[in-house]
Structures are given as C-alpha cells and as structure tokens.
C-alpha cells in the first residue's frame, strides 16, 4: 500500500528562508502560500483515535479527521471554535459522524494538545510543471496552561499527490540522502501530546503487568493493586467532570477488581488494615452504583425505543426524561462523595499501604512469601470448581438469584485470570477467558433484562404523574414484555454456554494448570 507521506525533523534555529533555499537547491519547488495555524488535537481518554491510526484536529474553522501517516483528510465538518468535548451523538449526520461513531462509541473526544505554528507550503513540480508532491515547513509551539509558547521540534511535512507515488519516493530519497534530514520518530501530534504531559496512545482501562511465576505473592499483589489504584485515580477527574460515561465505568471496574483482589488474595495482606480497606472500597462501589446504573439505562434507550412498535416510540419520552432527571440527582450525590476527604484519604491510604506491603510483618500473612503462581492457581482452581457446582445445580426451576450469583462468581474468576494470567500458559488462559466471556455474556443479558424490567415497573407511579404519562405507561408495558422475552431467550441459551465452559477438556486443563500452582 502506498505511503501517503512523512514528517522530517529540521535543524533547530535555521530560518525558514534557509530551509526553503536548501530545498530549492535539490528540488523544483514553488511557494504555495503561508498561514498561521492554531490547531487543537483531540482523542478519547483511552486513545481510540490514535489506536485507529487517525488524528482528530480542529483547524481553520473545521473539525477534521486525518490519517496519522500523511495527514490525508478522511472526513470533516464545520466548527467555528475548538469545542471542549465532542460526542459522536452531538455531530450532525454526515461523513465525520459516520467515521467517528463506530470508533469512539460513547466516549468523548477531548483536547489533548494545542499547537500554534507558521506553515509555509511548497509544491514540488515535475518537468511538465505539475504538482507531484506537497511540502510544508513548520515551526510549531505548544500552547496551553503553563506551557505558553513551548517550542516543539521544527519539521517538514511531506504529502503525496494521488498518482505520483514514484515522485514521493524520489523526494524522500533526496531529503534523506542529499539533505540529510531524519524522519521524525513520532508525528507532530504525538510530540505535542507528550510535551503537554499526556500519553499519545491514551490511558489504558485495564492493568497489564508481567509477573514471574515464582515472584512473592505479596509483591505481585502490590504491583497489581498499585496498577488498579492508578486506573481509579486517572479516571476520577473525568468522572467528576462528567466528560463521558466510560470514566465512571472504568473507575468502577477497577474498584471491583481491587475488591476481588482483596478477597481472593487475603492471605498476603495484614488482616486488620485489610478489613478496613475492604469496607472503604465497598462504600466506594456503593456510592458510584446508582449513577452507573442510570448511565446504562440511558445508553440503552435507543434499544428500548426499537423494542416497542413505531407508533409508541415517542411515548417513551417521559420515561427518558425521568431517568435523566434521576441521573442528574444521583450524579450530584456521587460527585459530593468522590470529592470528599473520605475518598481522598482512602485512595492515598491504599496507595501507601500496598507500597509498603512487602515490608509488613509476615506472622499473620500466610501467603505472603509463597509464589504467586501457587497462590493464584489455587484460587483460580477453587473458584472454577465452585462455578461448576453452582452451574450444574441450575435448572428450569432455579430462581433468578442462582444465575445472578453464578455471574458474580464468574467475574471473580475472570478478574483472577486477567490480573494473574501472565504467570500461566497463554494457550490455557486465553481459551478459558473466551469461554468464560461467552458464559458471562448470556448471564449478563439475563440479569440486565431482569433489572431493567424491575426498574421500569418501579417507575410506573412516577411516570403516570407526568404529562402524557398514560401513553408512556402503555409503552412501558410493551417494553417490559419485550425485556422479559429477551430474558427468557438468554436463559434458554444458558445450558449450551455453560456446557462449553464446563467441558471435560477445560476441566482437565484447569486441574493440570492451576490446581498444581
């Protein structure tokens, strides 16, 4: 596949006229205008645009998505000012929304760097005076709080012209061999993000650590716990600012994983402080739960609308409005809790506690010195055996709670596999996680539909009191019927998914890999 372009570093301190003169000595170039550029680069917190090999930037009154390699435009839309955040749902229908919506989903694009530059454009001409390559000399500066006018490395942008790939190759050879220019190790937007103190690839939502099988269990637990704490703290500002719903989601997932770590590896922690921290993290999960539940309902609302006949779609508006009002109320309560000294003390205390874990007395920590592979392996095997027993006992007459309890136990197993999988063979862990995810998907759908139906029923009296409440009540009844049908379908799928998870082959792998530690 043809390369669209490249960026080359230019000698620092050399005037633009001298650079252009050096280019003219080796290439037939013609000026193509200059402009002052004030660009704001965007990405999601977890770097989805960067991960897709794209760049999102506000430039010259437009919001534009470019290919990261050659800055070739993929889609754009007018935008007078650089927005503070961009949700795909806020964009007008068109190519930009079509490109971004499946990529960023519910995440917001937020500013990650702002750069001011002077851009001097040049056209490289061939013998017929046709433009075969486009160049731009740039002297960029990072702007923003505390970084006003911070210089970035000057560079030369080289961009292909369709149909002249050979000319692009010749120009690049000239730049490298004749002028000695070195291709930039990172594009301008990555350098700008790094200079602004950010992460060009975004902040990951999951902890990925490489542990050694014979590493002390308390040392391994401390590494994992510190990573989880970092994810919680990284997502806290975005949660408080309500930038998008995934900040709270990722914060809560790391809280749940921390609580699972505390339960499953309790033998590596001093029991007294551990009991206090377990209570504190339980509170943290509780105070964030109502807002997240309402987020899920609102994220699913388009699906709710599609679940009722077209004639009743608009009748669900009062229900959506009620959910949004309740979400606003719960969010304010959550913000007060997360902004409190209680949360600050918890996170700082937990961070200090895990940092000193390996130095704590071992008399009441029986698993502290044991190899992490042995400790984690025993826990994985035990949780797996418990899941097999719970799942085998479920039949058509089992209460809803039985499937819900199995789902919670499955989360425990998945967290163990994800957090400590690096000390076990990948060819065992990967298929096990895959079958577990498949089982969890159907259990999650079963549980979600039940909770959603129960919540909608509980809101009936509140909805009736609203304008158009009677019509909304009828639409809600139709929606509950649909949710109950989908719950029944999920339950019907359970036996097949559980059979794959509990297969003889997988049981043997678990016994051979984990039980032995």
Protein backbone atom coordinates (compact mmCIF):
# COMPACT_ATOMS: atom_id res chain seq x y z
CA UNK A 1 0.00 0.00 0.00
CA UNK A 2 1.33 3.42 -0.91
CA UNK A 3 2.52 5.68 1.91
CA UNK A 4 0.66 8.99 1.98
CA UNK A 5 3.52 11.00 3.42
CA UNK A 6 6.03 11.53 6.19
CA UNK A 7 7.42 14.11 8.60
CA UNK A 8 11.10 15.03 8.79
CA UNK A 9 12.90 16.87 11.56
CA UNK A 10 14.53 20.14 10.54
CA UNK A 11 17.66 21.71 12.05
CA UNK A 12 16.69 23.87 15.02
CA UNK A 13 17.46 27.57 14.78
CA UNK A 14 17.62 27.60 10.99
CA UNK A 15 15.42 30.25 9.39
CA UNK A 16 12.53 29.25 7.15
CA UNK A 17 14.12 31.03 4.18
CA UNK A 18 17.28 28.95 4.57
CA UNK A 19 15.28 25.72 4.67
CA UNK A 20 13.38 26.71 1.54
CA UNK A 21 16.64 27.63 -0.15
CA UNK A 22 18.14 24.23 0.66
CA UNK A 23 15.09 22.51 -0.78
CA UNK A 24 15.27 24.59 -3.96
CA UNK A 25 18.88 23.55 -4.43
CA UNK A 26 17.77 19.94 -4.87
CA UNK A 27 14.13 20.05 -5.93
CA UNK A 28 11.98 22.13 -8.25
CA UNK A 29 9.73 23.74 -5.67
CA UNK A 30 7.30 26.61 -5.83
CA UNK A 31 5.80 28.52 -2.87
CA UNK A 32 2.14 27.75 -2.21
CA UNK A 33 1.31 30.30 0.46
CA UNK A 34 1.83 30.64 4.18
CA UNK A 35 -0.60 30.68 7.05
CA UNK A 36 -0.71 30.87 10.80
CA UNK A 37 -2.20 27.69 12.18
CA UNK A 38 -3.83 27.27 15.58
CA UNK A 39 -4.70 23.60 15.92
CA UNK A 40 -6.26 21.69 18.77
CA UNK A 41 -5.73 17.93 18.69
CA UNK A 42 -8.33 15.56 20.14
CA UNK A 43 -8.61 11.98 21.25
CA UNK A 44 -10.59 9.88 23.67
CA UNK A 45 -9.09 9.30 27.11
CA UNK A 46 -8.19 5.75 26.12
CA UNK A 47 -6.68 6.79 22.77
CA UNK A 48 -9.16 5.24 20.34
CA UNK A 49 -8.41 7.71 17.54
CA UNK A 50 -4.66 7.17 17.92
CA UNK A 51 -5.18 3.40 18.03
CA UNK A 52 -7.03 3.54 14.71
CA UNK A 53 -4.10 5.32 13.02
CA UNK A 54 -6.01 8.60 12.79
CA UNK A 55 -5.72 12.18 14.02
CA UNK A 56 -8.63 14.36 15.10
CA UNK A 57 -7.90 18.09 14.98
CA UNK A 58 -9.70 21.41 14.96
CA UNK A 59 -8.04 23.59 12.35
CA UNK A 60 -9.14 26.67 10.41
CA UNK A 61 -12.80 26.51 11.40
CA UNK A 62 -13.23 22.78 10.87
CA UNK A 63 -13.13 19.60 12.90
CA UNK A 64 -11.09 17.20 10.77
CA UNK A 65 -10.05 13.56 10.95
CA UNK A 66 -6.78 12.75 9.14
CA UNK A 67 -4.65 9.72 8.52
CA UNK A 68 -1.81 9.83 11.03
CA UNK A 69 0.86 8.96 8.46
CA UNK A 70 0.49 11.61 5.81
CA UNK A 71 -2.24 13.81 7.32
CA UNK A 72 -4.53 12.96 4.41
CA UNK A 73 -8.06 14.15 5.18
CA UNK A 74 -10.65 11.44 5.82
CA UNK A 75 -13.68 13.49 6.93
CA UNK A 76 -14.53 16.92 8.28
CA UNK A 77 -17.32 19.16 9.46
CA UNK A 78 -17.55 22.93 10.09
CA UNK A 79 -16.82 24.06 13.66
CA UNK A 80 -16.29 27.74 14.32
CA UNK A 81 -14.47 27.22 17.60
CA UNK A 82 -12.48 24.37 19.11
CA UNK A 83 -15.02 22.53 21.30
CA UNK A 84 -14.29 21.44 24.88
CA UNK A 85 -15.53 17.95 24.07
CA UNK A 86 -17.08 16.12 21.13
CA UNK A 87 -19.55 13.25 21.40
CA UNK A 88 -20.42 11.39 18.24
CA UNK A 89 -24.10 11.80 19.07
CA UNK A 90 -23.67 15.60 19.01
CA UNK A 91 -22.34 15.65 15.44
CA UNK A 92 -24.68 16.29 12.55
CA UNK A 93 -25.30 13.32 10.23
CA UNK A 94 -22.54 13.11 7.66
CA UNK A 95 -19.13 11.60 6.85
CA UNK A 96 -17.46 12.78 10.08
CA UNK A 97 -20.09 11.23 12.30
CA UNK A 98 -20.13 8.06 10.20
CA UNK A 99 -16.37 7.74 10.68
CA UNK A 100 -16.24 8.57 14.39
CA UNK A 101 -19.39 6.94 15.77
CA UNK A 102 -18.32 3.28 15.49
CA UNK A 103 -14.80 4.20 16.60
CA UNK A 104 -15.35 6.24 19.74
CA UNK A 105 -18.85 4.94 20.60
CA UNK A 106 -19.93 6.58 23.89
CA UNK A 107 -16.53 8.15 24.54
CA UNK A 108 -15.89 11.87 24.19
CA UNK A 109 -13.16 13.45 22.15
CA UNK A 110 -11.35 15.87 24.44
CA UNK A 111 -8.46 18.28 23.73
CA UNK A 112 -5.08 16.59 24.23
CA UNK A 113 -2.77 19.33 22.86
CA UNK A 114 -2.90 22.76 21.24
CA UNK A 115 -0.25 23.86 18.77
CA UNK A 116 0.38 27.22 17.10
CA UNK A 117 2.58 27.30 14.02
CA UNK A 118 3.57 29.12 10.91
CA UNK A 119 3.14 26.83 7.92
CA UNK A 120 4.95 27.60 4.69
CA UNK A 121 3.53 25.41 1.92
CA UNK A 122 5.54 24.35 -1.15
CA UNK A 123 4.73 22.39 -4.28
CA UNK A 124 7.27 20.03 -5.83
CA UNK A 125 6.95 20.19 -9.64
CA UNK A 126 7.90 17.77 -12.40
CA UNK A 127 9.14 18.56 -15.90
CA UNK A 128 5.61 19.34 -17.08
CA UNK A 129 5.19 21.81 -14.16
CA UNK A 130 2.65 19.58 -12.49
CA UNK A 131 2.49 19.28 -8.71
CA UNK A 132 3.74 15.83 -7.75
CA UNK A 133 4.42 16.24 -4.00
CA UNK A 134 3.30 18.79 -1.41
CA UNK A 135 5.61 20.07 1.34
CA UNK A 136 5.10 22.28 4.38
CA UNK A 137 7.77 23.81 6.59
CA UNK A 138 6.50 24.16 10.15
CA UNK A 139 7.89 25.79 13.28
CA UNK A 140 5.41 24.61 15.95
CA UNK A 141 4.90 25.76 19.54
CA UNK A 142 2.81 24.12 22.22
CA UNK A 143 0.35 26.45 23.94
CA UNK A 144 -1.79 25.94 26.99
CA UNK A 145 -1.79 26.47 30.75
CA UNK A 146 1.80 26.67 31.97
CA UNK A 147 3.24 25.94 28.52
CA UNK A 148 2.75 29.18 26.62
CA UNK A 149 4.92 29.08 23.52
CA UNK A 150 6.88 25.92 24.39
CA UNK A 151 8.90 25.14 21.23
CA UNK A 152 8.47 21.78 19.54
CA UNK A 153 10.89 20.31 17.03
CA UNK A 154 10.55 22.07 13.64
CA UNK A 155 9.66 19.72 10.86
CA UNK A 156 8.98 19.28 7.19
CA UNK A 157 5.68 17.65 6.19
CA UNK A 158 5.76 15.61 3.01
CA UNK A 159 2.44 14.64 1.47
CA UNK A 160 1.68 12.53 -1.56
CA UNK A 161 -0.31 13.65 -4.55
CA UNK A 162 -2.57 10.97 -5.99
CA UNK A 163 -0.97 9.18 -8.91
CA UNK A 164 2.61 10.29 -8.17
CA UNK A 165 3.87 7.65 -5.74
CA UNK A 166 7.23 7.37 -7.53
CA UNK A 167 7.75 11.11 -7.22
CA UNK A 168 7.10 10.85 -3.50
CA UNK A 169 9.76 8.15 -3.18
CA UNK A 170 12.27 10.26 -5.15
CA UNK A 171 11.61 13.32 -2.97
CA UNK A 172 12.04 11.31 0.21
CA UNK A 173 15.36 9.89 -1.03
CA UNK A 174 16.53 13.42 -1.81
CA UNK A 175 15.58 14.67 1.63
CA UNK A 176 17.35 11.79 3.36
CA UNK A 177 20.39 11.24 1.13
CA UNK A 178 21.14 14.73 -0.19
CA UNK A 179 19.92 16.99 2.61
CA UNK A 180 20.47 14.57 5.49
CA UNK A 181 17.02 15.09 7.01
CA UNK A 182 15.97 12.48 9.52
CA UNK A 183 12.43 11.18 9.58
CA UNK A 184 10.66 12.16 12.79
CA UNK A 185 10.34 9.33 15.27
CA UNK A 186 6.82 10.48 16.13
CA UNK A 187 4.37 12.72 14.27
CA UNK A 188 3.73 16.25 15.45
CA UNK A 189 0.53 15.43 17.29
CA UNK A 190 2.24 12.71 19.35
CA UNK A 191 5.14 15.00 20.25
CA UNK A 192 2.68 17.71 21.26
CA UNK A 193 0.66 15.37 23.48
CA UNK A 194 3.81 14.08 25.17
CA UNK A 195 5.12 17.63 25.69
CA UNK A 196 1.77 18.55 27.24
CA UNK A 197 2.26 15.76 29.78
CA UNK A 198 -0.19 13.33 28.19
CA UNK A 199 0.01 9.86 26.71
CA UNK A 200 -0.12 9.77 22.88
CA UNK A 201 -1.76 6.34 22.94
CA UNK A 202 -4.21 7.22 25.69
CA UNK A 203 -4.60 5.79 29.18
CA UNK A 204 -5.45 2.07 29.20
CA UNK A 205 -8.51 0.99 31.16
CA UNK A 206 -7.00 -2.35 32.18
CA UNK A 207 -3.93 -3.20 34.22
CA UNK A 208 -1.37 -5.14 32.22
CA UNK A 209 1.59 -6.42 34.22
CA UNK A 210 4.13 -9.13 33.60
CA UNK A 211 4.61 -11.17 36.75
CA UNK A 212 7.04 -14.01 37.39
CA UNK A 213 5.58 -17.38 38.45
CA UNK A 214 7.86 -17.63 41.50
CA UNK A 215 7.52 -13.99 42.48
CA UNK A 216 6.41 -13.45 46.07
CA UNK A 217 2.63 -13.31 46.22
CA UNK A 218 2.57 -10.10 48.27
CA UNK A 219 4.95 -8.39 45.84
CA UNK A 220 2.80 -9.44 42.88
CA UNK A 221 -0.40 -8.36 44.64
CA UNK A 222 1.14 -4.98 45.42
CA UNK A 223 2.07 -4.43 41.77
CA UNK A 224 -1.44 -5.31 40.61
CA UNK A 225 -3.10 -3.24 43.36
CA UNK A 226 -0.95 -0.21 42.52
CA UNK A 227 -1.90 -0.52 38.85
CA UNK A 228 -5.59 -0.70 39.69
CA UNK A 229 -5.29 2.31 42.00
CA UNK A 230 -3.63 4.26 39.18
CA UNK A 231 -6.58 3.50 36.87
CA UNK A 232 -9.05 4.64 39.53
CA UNK A 233 -7.19 7.90 40.10
CA UNK A 234 -6.69 8.52 36.37
CA UNK A 235 -10.43 8.23 35.73
CA UNK A 236 -11.53 10.28 38.73
CA UNK A 237 -11.20 13.76 37.14
CA UNK A 238 -13.16 12.73 34.04
CA UNK A 239 -15.84 11.17 36.26
CA UNK A 240 -16.19 14.36 38.28
CA UNK A 241 -16.29 16.48 35.10
CA UNK A 242 -18.84 14.09 33.54
CA UNK A 243 -16.92 14.09 30.25
CA UNK A 244 -18.35 10.74 29.19
CA UNK A 245 -19.86 7.67 30.84
CA UNK A 246 -16.77 5.47 30.39
CA UNK A 247 -14.75 7.33 33.01
CA UNK A 248 -17.14 6.16 35.73
CA UNK A 249 -17.39 2.70 34.17
CA UNK A 250 -13.61 2.19 34.12
CA UNK A 251 -13.29 3.59 37.64
CA UNK A 252 -15.89 1.14 38.92
CA UNK A 253 -14.37 -1.84 37.14
CA UNK A 254 -11.03 -1.13 38.80
CA UNK A 255 -12.77 -0.77 42.16
CA UNK A 256 -14.43 -4.17 41.65
CA UNK A 257 -11.12 -5.72 40.63
CA UNK A 258 -9.48 -4.23 43.72
CA UNK A 259 -12.19 -5.72 45.92
CA UNK A 260 -11.76 -9.09 44.19
CA UNK A 261 -8.00 -8.93 44.78
CA UNK A 262 -8.63 -8.19 48.45
CA UNK A 263 -10.96 -11.20 48.76
CA UNK A 264 -9.09 -13.73 46.69
CA UNK A 265 -5.58 -12.97 47.96
CA UNK A 266 -6.45 -12.02 51.52
CA UNK A 267 -3.63 -14.21 52.83
CA UNK A 268 -0.99 -11.76 51.57
CA UNK A 269 -2.47 -8.75 53.44
CA UNK A 270 -2.38 -7.92 57.16
CA UNK A 271 -5.93 -8.79 58.26
CA UNK A 272 -6.62 -5.68 60.36
CA UNK A 273 -5.88 -2.99 57.76
CA UNK A 274 -7.35 -5.21 55.03
CA UNK A 275 -10.74 -5.33 56.80
CA UNK A 276 -10.79 -1.53 56.96
CA UNK A 277 -9.87 -1.11 53.30
CA UNK A 278 -12.42 -3.72 52.20
CA UNK A 279 -15.15 -1.75 53.95
CA UNK A 280 -13.95 1.51 52.40
CA UNK A 281 -13.83 0.13 48.85
CA UNK A 282 -17.29 -1.39 49.33
CA UNK A 283 -18.52 2.12 50.16
CA UNK A 284 -16.78 3.49 47.05
CA UNK A 285 -18.55 0.94 44.89
CA UNK A 286 -21.90 1.68 46.53
CA UNK A 287 -21.75 5.46 46.08
CA UNK A 288 -20.93 5.13 42.37
CA UNK A 289 -23.51 2.41 41.63
CA UNK A 290 -26.76 4.38 41.14
CA UNK A 291 -25.22 6.80 38.64
CA UNK A 292 -23.69 3.97 36.63
CA UNK A 293 -26.99 2.04 36.60
CA UNK A 294 -28.78 5.08 35.21
CA UNK A 295 -25.99 5.62 32.66
CA UNK A 296 -26.60 2.09 31.38
CA UNK A 297 -30.35 2.67 31.06
CA UNK A 298 -29.78 5.87 29.10
CA UNK A 299 -27.12 4.31 26.88
CA UNK A 300 -29.60 1.51 26.13
CA UNK A 301 -32.52 3.85 25.49
CA UNK A 302 -32.26 3.73 21.71
CA UNK A 303 -32.51 -0.05 22.02
CA UNK A 304 -35.54 0.42 24.29
CA UNK A 305 -37.18 2.55 21.62
CA UNK A 306 -36.51 -0.05 18.95
CA UNK A 307 -38.11 -2.69 21.19
CA UNK A 308 -41.59 -1.11 21.00
CA UNK A 309 -43.83 -0.61 17.95
CA UNK A 310 -43.07 2.53 15.94
CA UNK A 311 -46.35 4.12 16.99
CA UNK A 312 -45.26 4.04 20.64
CA UNK A 313 -41.62 5.17 20.27
CA UNK A 314 -42.33 8.80 21.17
CA UNK A 315 -44.44 7.67 24.14
CA UNK A 316 -41.23 6.67 25.92
CA UNK A 317 -40.04 10.31 26.07
CA UNK A 318 -41.43 10.91 29.60
CA UNK A 319 -39.59 7.82 30.85
CA UNK A 320 -36.32 9.02 29.33
CA UNK A 321 -36.80 12.45 30.87
CA UNK A 322 -37.44 10.92 34.28
CA UNK A 323 -34.32 8.77 34.01
CA UNK A 324 -32.23 11.81 33.03
CA UNK A 325 -33.54 13.79 35.99
CA UNK A 326 -32.73 10.95 38.37
CA UNK A 327 -29.33 10.53 36.83
CA UNK A 328 -28.58 14.21 37.42
CA UNK A 329 -29.64 13.87 41.06
CA UNK A 330 -27.56 10.74 41.64
CA UNK A 331 -24.57 12.22 39.81
CA UNK A 332 -24.54 15.22 42.14
CA UNK A 333 -24.65 12.93 45.17
CA UNK A 334 -21.82 10.83 43.72
CA UNK A 335 -19.68 13.90 42.97
CA UNK A 336 -20.06 15.05 46.56
CA UNK A 337 -18.86 11.63 47.78
CA UNK A 338 -15.98 11.36 45.33
CA UNK A 339 -14.84 14.91 46.07
CA UNK A 340 -14.86 14.31 49.81
CA UNK A 341 -11.89 13.84 52.11
CA UNK A 342 -13.12 10.29 52.67
CA UNK A 343 -12.33 9.35 49.06
CA UNK A 344 -9.02 11.23 49.08
CA UNK A 345 -7.97 9.54 52.33
CA UNK A 346 -8.99 6.12 51.04
CA UNK A 347 -7.02 6.34 47.80
CA UNK A 348 -3.92 7.86 49.41
CA UNK A 349 -4.03 5.34 52.26
CA UNK A 350 -4.46 2.36 49.96
CA UNK A 351 -1.61 3.52 47.75
CA UNK A 352 0.72 3.85 50.75
CA UNK A 353 -0.48 0.53 52.19
CA UNK A 354 0.28 -1.53 49.07
CA UNK A 355 3.61 0.26 48.58
CA UNK A 356 4.75 -0.99 52.00
CA UNK A 357 3.10 -4.41 51.79
CA UNK A 358 6.28 -6.42 51.20
CA UNK A 359 7.83 -4.92 54.35
CA UNK A 360 4.90 -5.77 56.64
CA UNK A 361 5.24 -8.47 59.28
CA UNK A 362 4.50 -11.91 57.89
CA UNK A 363 3.22 -13.62 61.03
CA UNK A 364 -0.41 -13.06 60.05
CA UNK A 365 0.12 -13.22 56.27
CA UNK A 366 0.43 -16.96 55.48
CA UNK A 367 0.57 -16.48 51.69
CA UNK A 368 2.97 -13.55 51.60
CA UNK A 369 6.14 -15.47 50.73
CA UNK A 370 4.52 -18.13 48.59
CA UNK A 371 4.96 -17.98 44.79
CA UNK A 372 2.19 -16.04 43.10
CA UNK A 373 1.61 -18.89 40.64
CA UNK A 374 0.78 -21.20 43.55
CA UNK A 375 -1.49 -18.75 45.35
CA UNK A 376 -3.32 -17.51 42.24
CA UNK A 377 -3.51 -21.02 40.79
CA UNK A 378 -5.21 -22.36 43.91
CA UNK A 379 -7.72 -19.53 43.88
CA UNK A 380 -8.47 -19.97 40.16
CA UNK A 381 -9.00 -23.70 40.60
CA UNK A 382 -11.22 -23.17 43.65
CA UNK A 383 -13.40 -20.51 42.02
CA UNK A 384 -13.67 -22.65 38.88
CA UNK A 385 -14.80 -25.68 40.91
CA UNK A 386 -17.35 -23.50 42.70
CA UNK A 387 -18.70 -22.24 39.38
CA UNK A 388 -19.03 -25.80 38.06
CA UNK A 389 -21.02 -26.80 41.14
CA UNK A 390 -23.24 -23.70 41.02
CA UNK A 391 -23.89 -24.01 37.28
CA UNK A 392 -24.66 -27.73 37.41
CA UNK A 393 -27.34 -27.07 40.04
CA UNK A 394 -29.23 -24.60 37.83
CA UNK A 395 -32.28 -25.96 36.05
CA UNK A 396 -35.52 -24.55 34.67
CA UNK A 397 -36.93 -24.16 38.17
CA UNK A 398 -33.93 -22.35 39.66
CA UNK A 399 -34.60 -18.81 40.90
CA UNK A 400 -33.14 -15.78 39.16
CA UNK A 401 -30.73 -15.34 42.03
CA UNK A 402 -28.94 -18.57 41.14
CA UNK A 403 -27.90 -17.22 37.75
CA UNK A 404 -27.02 -13.86 39.24
CA UNK A 405 -24.77 -15.49 41.85
CA UNK A 406 -23.07 -17.53 39.12
CA UNK A 407 -22.45 -14.34 37.17
CA UNK A 408 -20.79 -12.71 40.18
CA UNK A 409 -18.63 -15.77 40.74
CA UNK A 410 -17.68 -15.66 37.05
CA UNK A 411 -16.44 -12.10 37.49
CA UNK A 412 -14.19 -13.28 40.31
CA UNK A 413 -12.69 -15.92 38.04
CA UNK A 414 -12.27 -13.55 35.13
CA UNK A 415 -10.50 -10.98 37.27
CA UNK A 416 -8.10 -13.62 38.58
CA UNK A 417 -7.32 -14.77 35.05
CA UNK A 418 -6.86 -11.24 33.73
CA UNK A 419 -4.77 -9.97 36.62
CA UNK A 420 -2.54 -13.03 37.08
CA UNK A 421 -2.76 -14.74 33.71
CA UNK A 422 0.80 -13.73 32.84
CA UNK A 423 2.21 -16.42 35.17
CA UNK A 424 0.34 -19.23 33.38
CA UNK A 425 0.50 -20.58 29.81
CA UNK A 426 -1.30 -18.29 27.37
CA UNK A 427 -2.69 -21.24 25.41
CA UNK A 428 -4.59 -22.26 28.56
CA UNK A 429 -5.65 -18.84 29.83
CA UNK A 430 -6.84 -17.39 26.52
CA UNK A 431 -9.42 -20.06 25.58
CA UNK A 432 -10.57 -20.24 29.19
CA UNK A 433 -11.24 -16.49 29.25
CA UNK A 434 -13.02 -16.80 25.90
CA UNK A 435 -15.45 -19.47 27.12
CA UNK A 436 -15.95 -17.57 30.36
CA UNK A 437 -16.79 -14.37 28.47
CA UNK A 438 -19.31 -16.29 26.39
CA UNK A 439 -20.98 -17.59 29.53
CA UNK A 440 -20.89 -14.17 31.17
CA UNK A 441 -22.46 -12.54 28.13
CA UNK A 442 -25.60 -14.65 28.41
CA UNK A 443 -25.70 -14.33 32.22
CA UNK A 444 -25.25 -10.58 31.91
CA UNK A 445 -28.04 -10.29 29.37
CA UNK A 446 -30.30 -12.36 31.66
CA UNK A 447 -29.53 -10.18 34.67
CA UNK A 448 -29.70 -6.87 32.82
CA UNK A 449 -33.12 -7.60 31.35
CA UNK A 450 -34.46 -8.59 34.75
CA UNK A 451 -33.15 -5.47 36.48
CA UNK A 452 -34.30 -3.22 33.65
CA UNK A 453 -37.81 -4.68 33.72
CA UNK A 454 -37.98 -4.33 37.51
CA UNK A 455 -36.76 -0.71 37.36
CA UNK A 456 -39.30 0.25 34.71
CA UNK A 457 -42.10 -1.34 36.75
CA UNK A 458 -40.95 0.59 39.82
CA UNK A 459 -41.17 3.87 37.88
CA UNK A 460 -44.79 3.44 36.80
CA UNK A 461 -46.32 5.62 39.51
CA UNK A 462 -43.84 8.42 38.87
CA UNK A 463 -44.47 8.29 35.12
CA UNK A 464 -48.26 8.33 35.46
CA UNK A 465 -48.00 11.68 37.26
CA UNK A 466 -46.23 13.24 34.26
CA UNK A 467 -47.74 14.84 31.17
CA UNK A 468 -48.56 12.10 28.65
CA UNK A 469 -47.97 9.64 31.47
CA UNK A 470 -50.82 7.34 30.43
CA UNK A 471 -49.37 6.83 26.95
CA UNK A 472 -45.92 6.34 28.44
CA UNK A 473 -47.30 3.72 30.80
CA UNK A 474 -48.65 1.69 27.89
CA UNK A 475 -45.32 1.94 26.05
CA UNK A 476 -43.51 0.88 29.22
CA UNK A 477 -45.72 -2.17 29.45
CA UNK A 478 -44.79 -3.14 25.90
CA UNK A 479 -41.14 -2.57 26.72
CA UNK A 480 -41.31 -4.75 29.83
CA UNK A 481 -42.90 -7.54 27.77
CA UNK A 482 -40.01 -7.33 25.30
CA UNK A 483 -37.39 -7.32 28.06
CA UNK A 484 -38.96 -10.39 29.68
CA UNK A 485 -38.93 -12.23 26.35
CA UNK A 486 -35.24 -11.39 25.89
CA UNK A 487 -34.55 -12.56 29.43
CA UNK A 488 -36.24 -15.85 28.62
CA UNK A 489 -34.15 -16.20 25.46
CA UNK A 490 -30.97 -15.61 27.47
CA UNK A 491 -31.98 -18.26 29.98
CA UNK A 492 -32.61 -20.71 27.15
CA UNK A 493 -29.03 -20.14 25.92
CA UNK A 494 -27.52 -20.73 29.34
CA UNK A 495 -27.26 -24.54 29.20
CA UNK A 496 -25.28 -24.51 25.94
CA UNK A 497 -22.89 -21.78 27.09
CA UNK A 498 -22.33 -23.44 30.47
CA UNK A 499 -21.68 -26.82 28.82
CA UNK A 500 -18.87 -25.26 26.76
CA UNK A 501 -17.40 -23.62 29.86
CA UNK A 502 -17.66 -26.86 31.88
CA UNK A 503 -16.36 -29.15 29.14
CA UNK A 504 -14.27 -32.14 30.08
CA UNK A 505 -11.28 -30.74 28.20
CA UNK A 506 -11.39 -27.43 30.04
CA UNK A 507 -11.79 -29.09 33.42
CA UNK A 508 -8.68 -31.15 32.70
CA UNK A 509 -6.73 -28.04 31.70
CA UNK A 510 -7.74 -26.24 34.88
CA UNK A 511 -6.75 -29.22 37.01
CA UNK A 512 -3.38 -29.63 35.30
CA UNK A 513 -2.51 -25.92 35.11
CA UNK A 514 -3.91 -24.21 38.16
CA UNK A 515 -4.54 -26.77 40.86
CA UNK A 516 -0.85 -27.64 40.88
CA UNK A 517 0.02 -23.93 41.20
